[in-house]
Protein backbone atom coordinates (compact mmCIF):
# COMPACT_ATOMS: atom_id res chain seq x y z
CA MET A 1 0.00 0.00 0.00
CA GLN A 2 1.29 3.43 -0.82
CA PHE A 3 0.88 6.34 1.56
CA ALA A 4 1.65 10.03 1.70
CA LYS A 5 1.62 12.65 4.42
CA HIS A 6 -1.79 14.01 3.45
CA ALA A 7 -5.23 13.55 4.97
CA ALA A 8 -7.64 11.29 3.05
CA ASN A 9 -10.95 12.61 1.67
CA ALA A 10 -13.38 9.76 1.17
CA GLY A 11 -16.06 11.48 -0.93
CA ALA A 12 -18.78 9.78 1.13
CA PRO A 13 -21.83 11.69 -0.25
CA LEU A 14 -21.38 10.25 -3.74
CA ARG A 15 -20.43 6.72 -2.77
CA PRO A 16 -23.94 5.11 -2.75
CA VAL A 17 -24.72 6.51 -6.20
CA ILE A 18 -21.31 5.61 -7.59
CA ALA A 19 -21.52 2.11 -6.14
CA SER A 20 -24.88 1.56 -7.83
CA VAL A 21 -23.53 2.67 -11.18
CA MET A 22 -20.35 0.65 -10.75
CA MET A 23 -22.34 -2.49 -9.98
CA LYS A 24 -24.13 -2.08 -13.31
CA LEU A 25 -20.79 -1.60 -15.04
CA ALA A 26 -19.35 -4.60 -13.21
CA ASP A 27 -22.14 -6.77 -14.65
CA LEU A 28 -21.29 -5.44 -18.11
CA PHE A 29 -17.52 -5.89 -17.70
CA ALA A 30 -17.62 -9.24 -15.90
CA ARG A 31 -18.17 -11.17 -19.13
CA ARG A 32 -15.10 -9.57 -20.77
CA PRO A 33 -11.37 -9.96 -20.14
CA MET A 34 -9.59 -6.84 -18.88
CA ASN A 35 -8.05 -6.30 -22.33
CA ASP A 36 -11.55 -5.66 -23.68
CA ALA A 37 -12.77 -3.60 -20.73
CA ASN A 38 -11.51 -0.36 -22.21
CA HIS A 39 -14.54 0.39 -24.33
CA ASP A 40 -16.90 3.36 -24.26
CA VAL A 41 -19.38 2.86 -21.44
CA ASN A 42 -22.12 3.98 -23.84
CA ALA A 43 -21.29 1.28 -26.40
CA GLY A 44 -23.28 -1.90 -26.94
CA SER A 45 -26.95 -2.73 -26.74
CA GLY A 46 -29.39 -1.86 -23.99
CA ASN A 47 -31.03 1.25 -22.60
CA ARG A 48 -29.10 4.14 -24.16
CA ALA A 49 -30.65 6.74 -21.85
CA GLY A 50 -29.68 4.70 -18.80
CA GLN A 51 -26.14 4.23 -20.07
CA SER A 52 -25.86 7.97 -20.72
CA ALA A 53 -26.96 8.64 -17.14
CA ASP A 54 -24.35 6.17 -15.89
CA SER A 55 -21.72 7.96 -17.93
CA ARG A 56 -22.70 11.26 -16.36
CA VAL A 57 -22.42 9.76 -12.87
CA LEU A 58 -18.92 8.51 -13.70
CA GLU A 59 -17.97 12.00 -14.84
CA VAL A 60 -19.31 13.42 -11.58
CA ALA A 61 -17.35 10.80 -9.61
CA ARG A 62 -14.17 11.70 -11.49
CA SER A 63 -14.72 15.42 -10.90
CA ASP A 64 -15.37 14.74 -7.23
CA MET A 65 -12.12 12.76 -7.07
CA VAL A 66 -10.24 15.72 -8.52
CA GLU A 67 -11.79 18.18 -6.07
CA ARG A 68 -11.62 16.12 -2.87
CA GLN A 69 -8.52 14.01 -3.36
CA LEU A 70 -6.35 16.34 -5.44
CA ARG A 71 -7.23 20.03 -5.32
CA LYS A 72 -7.89 19.95 -1.56
CA ARG A 73 -4.53 18.25 -1.04
CA ASP A 74 -2.56 20.96 -2.81
CA ILE A 75 -2.35 19.65 -6.37
CA ARG A 76 -2.59 23.06 -8.04
CA SER A 77 -1.39 22.63 -11.62
CA PRO A 78 -4.38 23.28 -13.92
CA ARG A 79 -2.87 20.97 -16.55
CA VAL A 80 -2.47 18.08 -14.11
CA LEU A 81 -5.97 18.56 -12.70
CA GLU A 82 -7.44 18.66 -16.21
CA ALA A 83 -5.56 15.50 -17.21
CA MET A 84 -6.76 13.66 -14.10
CA ASN A 85 -10.31 14.76 -14.86
CA SER A 86 -10.00 13.56 -18.46
CA VAL A 87 -8.58 10.04 -18.09
CA PRO A 88 -11.30 7.46 -17.31
CA ARG A 89 -9.72 5.55 -14.41
CA HIS A 90 -12.61 3.05 -14.42
CA LEU A 91 -11.34 1.73 -17.76
CA PHE A 92 -7.94 0.88 -16.23
CA VAL A 93 -9.16 -1.36 -13.41
CA PRO A 94 -10.39 -4.99 -13.47
CA PRO A 95 -14.19 -5.54 -13.45
CA GLU A 96 -14.28 -6.65 -9.82
CA HIS A 97 -12.83 -3.32 -8.68
CA ILE A 98 -14.89 -0.95 -10.82
CA SER A 99 -17.01 0.13 -7.84
CA ASP A 100 -13.86 1.62 -6.28
CA ALA A 101 -12.44 3.11 -9.48
CA TYR A 102 -12.52 6.68 -8.12
CA ALA A 103 -11.79 5.84 -4.49
CA ASP A 104 -8.78 7.27 -2.66
CA THR A 105 -6.81 4.03 -2.82
CA PRO A 106 -4.59 1.88 -5.06
CA LEU A 107 -6.34 -1.14 -6.60
CA PRO A 108 -5.02 -4.56 -7.69
CA ILE A 109 -4.48 -5.08 -11.42
CA GLY A 110 -2.98 -8.57 -11.34
CA VAL A 111 0.52 -10.08 -11.16
CA GLY A 112 0.83 -8.67 -7.64
CA GLN A 113 0.68 -5.05 -8.86
CA THR A 114 -1.76 -2.17 -8.48
CA ILE A 115 -3.02 0.94 -10.17
CA SER A 116 -1.81 3.76 -7.94
CA GLN A 117 -3.89 5.96 -5.67
CA PRO A 118 -5.17 8.94 -7.71
CA PHE A 119 -3.36 11.42 -5.46
CA MET A 120 -0.04 9.67 -6.01
CA VAL A 121 -0.53 9.62 -9.79
CA ALA A 122 -1.28 13.35 -9.79
CA ALA A 123 1.49 14.26 -7.34
CA MET A 124 4.15 12.41 -9.33
CA ALA A 125 2.97 13.92 -12.61
CA ASP A 126 2.96 17.37 -11.01
CA ALA A 127 6.50 16.85 -9.69
CA LEU A 128 7.82 16.35 -13.24
CA LEU A 129 7.05 20.02 -14.07
CA LEU A 130 5.90 19.17 -17.58
CA GLU A 131 5.05 21.92 -20.06
CA GLY A 132 3.90 19.83 -23.04
CA SER A 133 6.94 19.49 -25.30
CA GLU A 134 8.82 16.83 -23.33
CA LYS A 135 9.79 13.27 -24.05
CA VAL A 136 9.03 11.25 -20.90
CA LEU A 137 10.22 7.83 -19.78
CA GLU A 138 7.96 6.02 -17.32
CA ILE A 139 9.31 3.01 -15.42
CA GLY A 140 6.50 0.67 -14.35
CA ALA A 141 3.64 1.01 -16.83
CA GLY A 142 1.25 -1.24 -14.87
CA SER A 143 -2.26 -0.82 -16.28
CA GLY A 144 -1.22 2.21 -18.33
CA TYR A 145 -3.13 4.75 -16.22
CA GLN A 146 -0.16 6.91 -15.26
CA ALA A 147 1.08 6.81 -18.86
CA ALA A 148 -2.33 7.99 -20.07
CA VAL A 149 -2.19 10.96 -17.68
CA LEU A 150 1.38 11.77 -18.75
CA SER A 151 0.38 11.58 -22.41
CA LEU A 152 -1.87 14.63 -21.91
CA LEU A 153 0.99 16.57 -20.30
CA ALA A 154 3.92 15.73 -22.58
CA HIS A 155 4.73 15.31 -26.26
CA GLU A 156 5.80 11.65 -26.09
CA VAL A 157 5.74 8.92 -23.43
CA ILE A 158 7.77 5.69 -23.46
CA ALA A 159 6.53 3.37 -20.70
CA ILE A 160 8.57 0.36 -19.57
CA GLU A 161 6.95 -2.67 -17.93
CA SER A 162 8.82 -5.77 -16.78
CA GLN A 163 5.73 -8.01 -16.64
CA PRO A 164 4.87 -9.12 -20.20
CA SER A 165 1.17 -9.69 -19.48
CA LEU A 166 0.73 -6.22 -18.00
CA ALA A 167 2.72 -4.64 -20.84
CA GLU A 168 0.58 -6.34 -23.47
CA ALA A 169 -2.68 -5.35 -21.78
CA ALA A 170 -1.55 -1.75 -21.23
CA ARG A 171 -0.38 -1.47 -24.84
CA ALA A 172 -3.75 -2.65 -26.17
CA ARG A 173 -5.76 -0.51 -23.75
CA LEU A 174 -3.88 2.71 -24.48
CA ALA A 175 -4.12 2.17 -28.23
CA HIS A 176 -7.84 1.42 -28.02
CA LEU A 177 -8.47 4.57 -26.01
CA GLY A 178 -6.52 6.70 -28.47
CA TYR A 179 -3.45 7.63 -26.43
CA ASN A 180 -1.34 7.56 -29.57
CA ASN A 181 1.72 9.34 -28.14
CA VAL A 182 2.43 6.49 -25.69
CA ARG A 183 4.59 3.44 -26.45
CA VAL A 184 4.88 0.49 -24.06
CA GLU A 185 8.06 -1.61 -24.03
CA THR A 186 8.80 -4.78 -22.05
CA ALA A 187 12.19 -4.56 -20.35
CA ASP A 188 14.12 -4.20 -17.09
CA GLY A 189 13.08 -0.69 -16.14
CA SER A 190 15.95 -0.26 -13.68
CA GLN A 191 18.18 0.09 -16.74
CA GLY A 192 15.96 2.70 -18.35
CA TRP A 193 15.46 2.58 -22.12
CA LEU A 194 18.60 3.59 -23.98
CA PRO A 195 17.25 3.55 -27.59
CA ASP A 196 15.20 6.74 -27.08
CA ALA A 197 17.46 8.53 -24.57
CA PRO A 198 17.94 11.24 -23.47
CA TYR A 199 14.65 12.11 -21.74
CA ASP A 200 13.35 15.44 -20.52
CA ALA A 201 11.65 13.69 -17.62
CA ILE A 202 11.77 10.22 -16.08
CA LEU A 203 9.15 8.87 -13.68
CA VAL A 204 9.71 5.68 -11.69
CA THR A 205 6.62 4.09 -10.12
CA ALA A 206 8.49 1.48 -8.08
CA ALA A 207 10.80 1.86 -5.07
CA ALA A 208 14.55 1.71 -5.64
CA PRO A 209 17.18 1.07 -2.94
CA TYR A 210 19.23 3.85 -4.57
CA VAL A 211 18.96 5.98 -7.70
CA PRO A 212 19.84 3.74 -10.69
CA PRO A 213 22.88 5.24 -12.48
CA PRO A 214 21.49 4.47 -15.97
CA LEU A 215 18.50 6.72 -15.31
CA LEU A 216 20.75 9.65 -14.42
CA GLY A 217 22.79 8.96 -17.55
CA GLN A 218 19.66 8.99 -19.72
CA LEU A 219 18.37 12.26 -18.29
CA ALA A 220 18.70 15.26 -20.59
CA GLU A 221 20.19 18.59 -19.53
CA GLY A 222 17.58 20.29 -17.38
CA GLY A 223 15.71 16.99 -17.06
CA ARG A 224 13.75 15.87 -14.00
CA LEU A 225 13.76 12.42 -12.44
CA VAL A 226 11.01 11.59 -9.91
CA ILE A 227 11.59 8.35 -8.03
CA PRO A 228 10.76 6.74 -4.65
CA VAL A 229 14.00 5.73 -2.91
CA GLY A 230 14.58 3.95 0.38
CA PRO A 231 14.18 0.66 2.25
CA ALA A 232 11.44 -1.83 1.44
CA LYS A 233 8.77 -0.48 3.77
CA HIS A 234 9.36 3.25 3.66
CA GLN A 235 10.67 5.59 0.97
CA GLU A 236 11.00 9.26 0.15
CA LEU A 237 9.76 10.56 -3.17
CA LEU A 238 12.71 12.39 -4.69
CA ARG A 239 12.88 14.93 -7.49
CA ILE A 240 16.31 15.05 -9.10
CA ILE A 241 17.17 17.79 -11.58
CA LYS A 242 20.18 17.63 -13.89
CA ARG A 243 22.00 20.88 -14.66
CA GLU A 244 25.38 21.19 -16.36
CA GLY A 245 26.12 17.53 -15.73
CA ARG A 246 25.38 17.79 -12.01
CA THR A 247 22.27 16.79 -10.10
CA THR A 248 20.35 18.33 -7.21
CA ARG A 249 17.93 16.34 -5.04
CA GLU A 250 14.74 17.40 -3.31
CA SER A 251 12.67 15.18 -1.00
CA LEU A 252 8.96 15.72 -1.68
CA PHE A 253 7.17 13.44 0.80
CA ALA A 254 7.09 9.95 2.31
CA CYS A 255 5.61 7.14 0.23
CA ARG A 256 5.58 3.38 -0.18
CA PHE A 257 5.80 1.44 -3.44
CA VAL A 258 6.42 -2.06 -4.73
CA PRO A 259 10.16 -2.78 -5.12
CA LEU A 260 11.84 -1.88 -8.39
CA LEU A 261 13.21 -5.22 -9.58
CA GLY A 262 16.13 -5.58 -11.92
CA ARG A 263 19.84 -5.08 -12.30
CA PHE A 264 19.83 -1.67 -10.57
CA GLY A 265 16.92 -2.36 -8.24
CA TRP A 266 16.02 -5.01 -5.71
CA PRO A 267 16.70 -8.69 -6.46
CA SER A 268 13.60 -10.69 -7.36
CA SER A 269 13.86 -12.40 -3.96
CA GLY A 270 14.09 -9.07 -2.14
CA SER A 271 11.97 -8.01 0.81
CA PRO A 272 8.25 -8.11 -0.04
CA GLN A 273 5.90 -5.22 0.56
CA GLU A 274 2.42 -4.13 -0.34
CA PRO A 275 2.16 -3.48 -4.11
CA SER A 276 1.68 0.07 -5.37
CA ARG A 277 2.32 0.81 -9.02
CA GLY A 278 1.15 3.09 -11.73
């Protein structure tokens, strides 16, 4: 489980309505594999008016998430808030977790990984200081949700995922939803992705015992690296900026993520912890 030093806002007034809508969606999604769950909620047969109403409730739930979980916890960037309000998080979670799609919590996505808490997704995107022209490397694609958010904030996103099944599903989902400036590669993310280096920004959604040297080497001049670093059960989210070949580090807040596995991360038999990925 990931955590940050911020108070939670549950959004209780909307929960009964959202739960009702999500149960309907769960019935619709339950007969489909997750790869096919990324369709328009208004598609298919049935009561079009009812589906339209459900879509509106989802939009309200997403807006409520942005207001209660993000804006009230000091996420101020208009671009980040708009991106978080645009990406349909319910299309990035498995059917059995749709009722909690806009809850203030990470959710399982399979292979021992999760889609991150909305606040963490927004906070990490905000920390990258993106203006729209950047090439971004994301380590730990997961379901593709963080990459989708980044795609609305940057020019190009290359997302690396070490689990082939998650990479394949994320690749198909992002393409189906039209996030055409995102590419998903399967590789050891602790080594970065040299073919497209250097990067204006690098985001790591798994905890490293130390900052992997290849990531610093692949960071462009003026580039920003945001990464959780520390022991298995407790890390600090760092922002590292590269200027004139040197780097400066800033600790943003405490957090907790799944271990970054690979050559410059934790060994595959390293200390376990609660999963928390983008």
